[in-house]
Amino acid sequence: MGLDLKVKGRVLSIVKGDITECDLDAIVNAANTSLVMGGGVAGAIRRKGGESIQEECNKIGGIPVGGAAITGAGNLKAKYVIHAAGPRFGEGDEDEKLKNAVLNSLRLAEEHGIKSIAFPAISTGIFGFPLDRCAKIMINTIKEYLSGDTSIERVVIVLFDDEAYRIFSEELQ
């Protein structure tokens, strides 16, 4: 199940599934600024990928809201995990911070020669960001990035439940 949009020969896809199972160059972790992988997407990545991912995060130490860092992917199918620190809803300037988290993840992917990358719905879990706003910001940011000069060929937004999939699909169409 999925929906594709072509942007200058590149593909943006919306799929329902488990991001930890993605067989792409990189997956994005919806991280906190301290890079401690506790619950949600981060917890699932840590459980399946193993402790080496958290150990690399500990060496990095932390990132600002809207920032991104890269580690290996341990036992996952992906080669890399990009940790993007999304905003907590209500902290102020959240839309811009979310856009920066997506942009900084894409730029980091590009710097590391990554051609395919999967994102979750950043900040929509425990950080409380509304799904519809997240969908609009993420999709528009990715479309704009893919229409520019980039070596990234495929971006997939992987959503865990039916509601999120429906909201992101409607926004893509």
C-alpha atoms as a PDB file:
ATOM      1  CA  MET A   1       0.000   0.000   0.000  1.00  0.00           C
ATOM      2  CA  GLY A   2       1.462   3.336  -0.996  1.00  0.00           C
ATOM      3  CA  LEU A   3       1.164   6.549  -2.924  1.00  0.00           C
ATOM      4  CA  ASP A   4       3.896   8.009  -5.157  1.00  0.00           C
ATOM      5  CA  LEU A   5       4.594  11.479  -6.474  1.00  0.00           C
ATOM      6  CA  LYS A   6       7.266  12.104  -9.120  1.00  0.00           C
ATOM      7  CA  VAL A   7       9.357  15.255  -8.670  1.00  0.00           C
ATOM      8  CA  LYS A   8      11.890  15.910 -11.460  1.00  0.00           C
ATOM      9  CA  GLY A   9      12.503  12.175 -11.961  1.00  0.00           C
ATOM     10  CA  ARG A  10      12.735  11.546  -8.215  1.00  0.00           C
ATOM     11  CA  VAL A  11      10.086   9.830  -6.104  1.00  0.00           C
ATOM     12  CA  LEU A  12       8.288  10.875  -2.917  1.00  0.00           C
ATOM     13  CA  SER A  13       6.217   8.018  -1.482  1.00  0.00           C
ATOM     14  CA  ILE A  14       3.741   7.714   1.366  1.00  0.00           C
ATOM     15  CA  VAL A  15       3.481   4.198   2.790  1.00  0.00           C
ATOM     16  CA  LYS A  16       1.912   2.551   5.798  1.00  0.00           C
ATOM     17  CA  GLY A  17       4.340   0.298   7.624  1.00  0.00           C
ATOM     18  CA  ASP A  18       7.211  -0.109  10.054  1.00  0.00           C
ATOM     19  CA  ILE A  19      10.136   2.251   9.436  1.00  0.00           C
ATOM     20  CA  THR A  20      12.546  -0.165  11.125  1.00  0.00           C
ATOM     21  CA  GLU A  21      11.885  -2.654   8.298  1.00  0.00           C
ATOM     22  CA  CYS A  22      12.760  -0.217   5.478  1.00  0.00           C
ATOM     23  CA  ASP A  23      15.422  -1.485   3.098  1.00  0.00           C
ATOM     24  CA  LEU A  24      16.687   1.963   2.076  1.00  0.00           C
ATOM     25  CA  ASP A  25      20.069   3.672   2.527  1.00  0.00           C
ATOM     26  CA  ALA A  26      18.859   5.555   5.620  1.00  0.00           C
ATOM     27  CA  ILE A  27      15.940   5.888   7.990  1.00  0.00           C
ATOM     28  CA  VAL A  28      15.170   8.969  10.072  1.00  0.00           C
ATOM     29  CA  ASN A  29      14.671   8.711  13.811  1.00  0.00           C
ATOM     30  CA  ALA A  30      12.294  11.235  15.385  1.00  0.00           C
ATOM     31  CA  ALA A  31      14.841  12.179  18.032  1.00  0.00           C
ATOM     32  CA  ASN A  32      15.003  14.354  21.106  1.00  0.00           C
ATOM     33  CA  THR A  33      17.792  16.901  21.513  1.00  0.00           C
ATOM     34  CA  SER A  34      19.717  14.691  23.965  1.00  0.00           C
ATOM     35  CA  LEU A  35      19.679  11.790  21.430  1.00  0.00           C
ATOM     36  CA  VAL A  36      18.451   9.379  24.100  1.00  0.00           C
ATOM     37  CA  MET A  37      16.451   6.689  22.307  1.00  0.00           C
ATOM     38  CA  GLY A  38      13.561   5.968  24.672  1.00  0.00           C
ATOM     39  CA  GLY A  39      10.035   5.439  23.347  1.00  0.00           C
ATOM     40  CA  GLY A  40       8.151   5.716  20.063  1.00  0.00           C
ATOM     41  CA  VAL A  41      10.085   5.452  16.793  1.00  0.00           C
ATOM     42  CA  ALA A  42      13.420   5.863  18.629  1.00  0.00           C
ATOM     43  CA  GLY A  43      12.676   2.991  21.002  1.00  0.00           C
ATOM     44  CA  ALA A  44      11.704   0.707  18.108  1.00  0.00           C
ATOM     45  CA  ILE A  45      14.901   1.607  16.207  1.00  0.00           C
ATOM     46  CA  ARG A  46      17.004   0.936  19.312  1.00  0.00           C
ATOM     47  CA  ARG A  47      15.320  -2.424  19.994  1.00  0.00           C
ATOM     48  CA  LYS A  48      15.738  -3.691  16.408  1.00  0.00           C
ATOM     49  CA  GLY A  49      19.011  -1.983  15.550  1.00  0.00           C
ATOM     50  CA  GLY A  50      20.833  -2.729  18.789  1.00  0.00           C
ATOM     51  CA  GLU A  51      22.782  -0.715  21.348  1.00  0.00           C
ATOM     52  CA  SER A  52      25.504   0.417  18.909  1.00  0.00           C
ATOM     53  CA  ILE A  53      23.142   3.137  17.620  1.00  0.00           C
ATOM     54  CA  GLN A  54      22.610   4.570  21.122  1.00  0.00           C
ATOM     55  CA  GLU A  55      26.361   4.309  21.820  1.00  0.00           C
ATOM     56  CA  GLU A  56      27.103   6.421  18.710  1.00  0.00           C
ATOM     57  CA  CYS A  57      24.425   8.918  19.814  1.00  0.00           C
ATOM     58  CA  ASN A  58      26.084   9.159  23.233  1.00  0.00           C
ATOM     59  CA  LYS A  59      29.379  10.092  21.536  1.00  0.00           C
ATOM     60  CA  ILE A  60      27.620  12.863  19.551  1.00  0.00           C
ATOM     61  CA  GLY A  61      26.028  14.102  22.772  1.00  0.00           C
ATOM     62  CA  GLY A  62      23.152  16.196  21.507  1.00  0.00           C
ATOM     63  CA  ILE A  63      21.707  18.375  18.764  1.00  0.00           C
ATOM     64  CA  PRO A  64      19.528  21.500  18.705  1.00  0.00           C
ATOM     65  CA  VAL A  65      15.815  21.405  17.876  1.00  0.00           C
ATOM     66  CA  GLY A  66      15.621  21.346  14.066  1.00  0.00           C
ATOM     67  CA  GLY A  67      19.063  19.749  13.864  1.00  0.00           C
ATOM     68  CA  ALA A  68      20.131  16.314  12.631  1.00  0.00           C
ATOM     69  CA  ALA A  69      22.957  13.843  13.308  1.00  0.00           C
ATOM     70  CA  ILE A  70      23.932  10.585  11.605  1.00  0.00           C
ATOM     71  CA  THR A  71      24.961   7.188  12.982  1.00  0.00           C
ATOM     72  CA  GLY A  72      25.286   3.669  11.679  1.00  0.00           C
ATOM     73  CA  ALA A  73      22.154   1.522  11.689  1.00  0.00           C
ATOM     74  CA  GLY A  74      23.354  -1.473  13.691  1.00  0.00           C
ATOM     75  CA  ASN A  75      21.321  -4.566  12.798  1.00  0.00           C
ATOM     76  CA  LEU A  76      18.746  -2.720  10.667  1.00  0.00           C
ATOM     77  CA  LYS A  77      18.434  -3.188   6.886  1.00  0.00           C
ATOM     78  CA  ALA A  78      19.307   0.489   6.376  1.00  0.00           C
ATOM     79  CA  LYS A  79      22.967   1.562   6.424  1.00  0.00           C
ATOM     80  CA  TYR A  80      22.403   4.757   8.421  1.00  0.00           C
ATOM     81  CA  VAL A  81      20.068   6.323  10.953  1.00  0.00           C
ATOM     82  CA  ILE A  82      19.637  10.083  10.734  1.00  0.00           C
ATOM     83  CA  HIS A  83      18.445  11.483  14.050  1.00  0.00           C
ATOM     84  CA  ALA A  84      16.241  14.569  13.519  1.00  0.00           C
ATOM     85  CA  ALA A  85      15.206  16.610  16.549  1.00  0.00           C
ATOM     86  CA  GLY A  86      11.675  17.832  15.960  1.00  0.00           C
ATOM     87  CA  PRO A  87       9.935  20.473  18.063  1.00  0.00           C
ATOM     88  CA  ARG A  88       7.564  19.955  20.984  1.00  0.00           C
ATOM     89  CA  PHE A  89       4.193  21.413  20.085  1.00  0.00           C
ATOM     90  CA  GLY A  90       3.670  24.668  21.979  1.00  0.00           C
ATOM     91  CA  GLU A  91       7.367  25.596  22.386  1.00  0.00           C
ATOM     92  CA  GLY A  92       7.159  28.340  19.744  1.00  0.00           C
ATOM     93  CA  ASP A  93       8.217  28.589  16.066  1.00  0.00           C
ATOM     94  CA  GLU A  94       7.412  24.878  15.672  1.00  0.00           C
ATOM     95  CA  ASP A  95       6.616  24.984  11.944  1.00  0.00           C
ATOM     96  CA  GLU A  96      10.035  26.421  11.099  1.00  0.00           C
ATOM     97  CA  LYS A  97      11.797  24.003  13.476  1.00  0.00           C
ATOM     98  CA  LEU A  98      10.037  21.006  11.892  1.00  0.00           C
ATOM     99  CA  LYS A  99      10.955  22.236   8.400  1.00  0.00           C
ATOM    100  CA  ASN A 100      14.597  22.578   9.536  1.00  0.00           C
ATOM    101  CA  ALA A 101      14.621  19.038  10.995  1.00  0.00           C
ATOM    102  CA  VAL A 102      13.511  17.691   7.586  1.00  0.00           C
ATOM    103  CA  LEU A 103      15.909  19.910   5.589  1.00  0.00           C
ATOM    104  CA  ASN A 104      18.890  19.147   7.816  1.00  0.00           C
ATOM    105  CA  SER A 105      18.168  15.405   7.517  1.00  0.00           C
ATOM    106  CA  LEU A 106      18.076  15.647   3.710  1.00  0.00           C
ATOM    107  CA  ARG A 107      21.287  17.698   3.611  1.00  0.00           C
ATOM    108  CA  LEU A 108      23.065  15.215   5.891  1.00  0.00           C
ATOM    109  CA  ALA A 109      21.859  12.343   3.691  1.00  0.00           C
ATOM    110  CA  GLU A 110      23.236  14.100   0.639  1.00  0.00           C
ATOM    111  CA  GLU A 111      26.624  14.704   2.317  1.00  0.00           C
ATOM    112  CA  HIS A 112      26.877  10.951   2.974  1.00  0.00           C
ATOM    113  CA  GLY A 113      25.935   9.871  -0.568  1.00  0.00           C
ATOM    114  CA  ILE A 114      22.549   8.537   0.530  1.00  0.00           C
ATOM    115  CA  LYS A 115      20.159   8.016  -2.402  1.00  0.00           C
ATOM    116  CA  SER A 116      17.070   6.738  -0.542  1.00  0.00           C
ATOM    117  CA  ILE A 117      15.699   7.772   2.841  1.00  0.00           C
ATOM    118  CA  ALA A 118      12.621   7.064   4.972  1.00  0.00           C
ATOM    119  CA  PHE A 119      11.037   9.558   7.393  1.00  0.00           C
ATOM    120  CA  PRO A 120       8.462   9.033  10.142  1.00  0.00           C
ATOM    121  CA  ALA A 121       5.875  11.707  10.966  1.00  0.00           C
ATOM    122  CA  ILE A 122       8.337  13.788  13.031  1.00  0.00           C
ATOM    123  CA  SER A 123       7.069  15.289  16.333  1.00  0.00           C
ATOM    124  CA  THR A 124       3.547  13.821  16.054  1.00  0.00           C
ATOM    125  CA  GLY A 125       3.964  11.294  18.880  1.00  0.00           C
ATOM    126  CA  ILE A 126       4.811  12.342  22.419  1.00  0.00           C
ATOM    127  CA  PHE A 127       5.788  15.853  21.164  1.00  0.00           C
ATOM    128  CA  GLY A 128       2.125  16.463  20.227  1.00  0.00           C
ATOM    129  CA  PHE A 129       2.509  18.056  16.767  1.00  0.00           C
ATOM    130  CA  PRO A 130      -0.817  17.921  14.843  1.00  0.00           C
ATOM    131  CA  LEU A 131      -0.699  15.328  12.018  1.00  0.00           C
ATOM    132  CA  ASP A 132      -2.263  17.597   9.385  1.00  0.00           C
ATOM    133  CA  ARG A 133       0.252  20.403  10.016  1.00  0.00           C
ATOM    134  CA  CYS A 134       3.117  17.918  10.068  1.00  0.00           C
ATOM    135  CA  ALA A 135       1.972  16.395   6.757  1.00  0.00           C
ATOM    136  CA  LYS A 136       1.768  19.789   5.046  1.00  0.00           C
ATOM    137  CA  ILE A 137       5.210  20.930   6.291  1.00  0.00           C
ATOM    138  CA  MET A 138       7.021  17.645   5.645  1.00  0.00           C
ATOM    139  CA  ILE A 139       5.555  17.034   2.186  1.00  0.00           C
ATOM    140  CA  ASN A 140       6.098  20.621   1.000  1.00  0.00           C
ATOM    141  CA  THR A 141       9.673  20.693   2.344  1.00  0.00           C
ATOM    142  CA  ILE A 142      10.556  17.364   0.698  1.00  0.00           C
ATOM    143  CA  LYS A 143       8.906  18.294  -2.633  1.00  0.00           C
ATOM    144  CA  GLU A 144      10.796  21.589  -2.699  1.00  0.00           C
ATOM    145  CA  TYR A 145      14.075  19.815  -1.880  1.00  0.00           C
ATOM    146  CA  LEU A 146      13.588  17.140  -4.546  1.00  0.00           C
ATOM    147  CA  SER A 147      12.817  19.782  -7.184  1.00  0.00           C
ATOM    148  CA  GLY A 148      16.229  21.371  -6.587  1.00  0.00           C
ATOM    149  CA  ASP A 149      19.730  20.128  -7.329  1.00  0.00           C
ATOM    150  CA  THR A 150      20.024  16.894  -5.313  1.00  0.00           C
ATOM    151  CA  SER A 151      21.458  13.393  -5.639  1.00  0.00           C
ATOM    152  CA  ILE A 152      18.662  11.935  -3.482  1.00  0.00           C
ATOM    153  CA  GLU A 153      16.442   9.744  -5.661  1.00  0.00           C
ATOM    154  CA  ARG A 154      13.761   8.441  -3.311  1.00  0.00           C
ATOM    155  CA  VAL A 155      12.124   9.757  -0.135  1.00  0.00           C
ATOM    156  CA  VAL A 156       9.547   7.631   1.659  1.00  0.00           C
ATOM    157  CA  ILE A 157       7.343   8.839   4.504  1.00  0.00           C
ATOM    158  CA  VAL A 158       6.494   5.739   6.540  1.00  0.00           C
ATOM    159  CA  LEU A 159       3.399   5.985   8.715  1.00  0.00           C
ATOM    160  CA  PHE A 160       2.456   3.546  11.411  1.00  0.00           C
ATOM    161  CA  ASP A 161      -1.331   3.866  11.552  1.00  0.00           C
ATOM    162  CA  ASP A 162      -4.338   4.320   9.252  1.00  0.00           C
ATOM    163  CA  GLU A 163      -5.178   7.870  10.362  1.00  0.00           C
ATOM    164  CA  ALA A 164      -1.664   9.180   9.749  1.00  0.00           C
ATOM    165  CA  TYR A 165      -1.528   7.397   6.379  1.00  0.00           C
ATOM    166  CA  ARG A 166      -4.880   8.924   5.354  1.00  0.00           C
ATOM    167  CA  ILE A 167      -3.867  12.465   6.385  1.00  0.00           C
ATOM    168  CA  PHE A 168      -0.476  12.318   4.628  1.00  0.00           C
ATOM    169  CA  SER A 169      -2.017  10.721   1.492  1.00  0.00           C
ATOM    170  CA  GLU A 170      -4.650  13.468   1.246  1.00  0.00           C
ATOM    171  CA  GLU A 171      -1.927  16.114   1.612  1.00  0.00           C
ATOM    172  CA  LEU A 172       0.199  14.496  -1.122  1.00  0.00           C
ATOM    173  CA  GLN A 173      -2.741  14.432  -3.532  1.00  0.00           C
END
